[in-house]
Amino acid sequence: MSKAFVYTELQIALPFAQAPWSELNPELQKQPGLNNKTWLSGAANHSVGGFYEFDSIANAKKFVTGYFPAEAAKFGVAQTTRVFDMDVVEEASRQLNSVHFGGIASRKPGAFVYTEVQVSVPFAQAPWRSMNPVLREQPGLLHKTWLSGADNQSVGGFYAFDTLDNARRFVTDYFPTETAGLDAAYTSRLFDASVTEAASREMGSQFYL
């Protein structure tokens, strides 16, 4: 069975220094099949979330239907979770130095970006071959991991940028032109990578090796 990525975000405004990550990490490390997690902190709204790698889609689904909703309930907030098929995006992601597929983390990221486009396309038919050369030219892009919805075949990505300014320019200037070409609605989220380093290192995040 394919490995999986999971994206989560809590609808909360909590500066990351106040988030109980040191208490949560030991519990997260007990979750079946979890290989690593990169913590996320909203650049403008202080939301809290994560990008995870699991050994299987089955374990990823157990996480988003069991453990994670229970944690969100403790905070009394709404939540977003997404599960993605990891195996189908390997070739496309390797071309963009994805750390989840052997890419080299030569410098610490300053920002993360999450995107998802409201389409349903088997990833083999997605236009990643034509998009990758353009993405490689985006200022400050360090890594991209392509995403393919485990059940709905949505298309998206998880990116690391050198600075928040370059990541912000990407989500406000470049990415809307990409989705306009696909004639589709989309989601984009911007996160401050500098504040989550210690928490992410403890969870084996490959961005901070």
Foldseek 3Di string as FASTA:
>chain_A
DFKKKKKKKWPDQDAPVRDPLVVCLVVVVPQAFWQAKFWFAFPPRRITIIITIGRDLVSVVCCVVPVPVVVSVVVPTDMDMFMFGQPQQQVLQVLFQALVNPRDQPDAFFKKKKKWWPDADAPVPDPSVVCSVVVSPQPFWRGKGWTAGPPRRITIIMTTGRHQVSVVCCVPPPPVVVVVVVVTDMDMTMGGRPVRQVSRVSRVDSNND
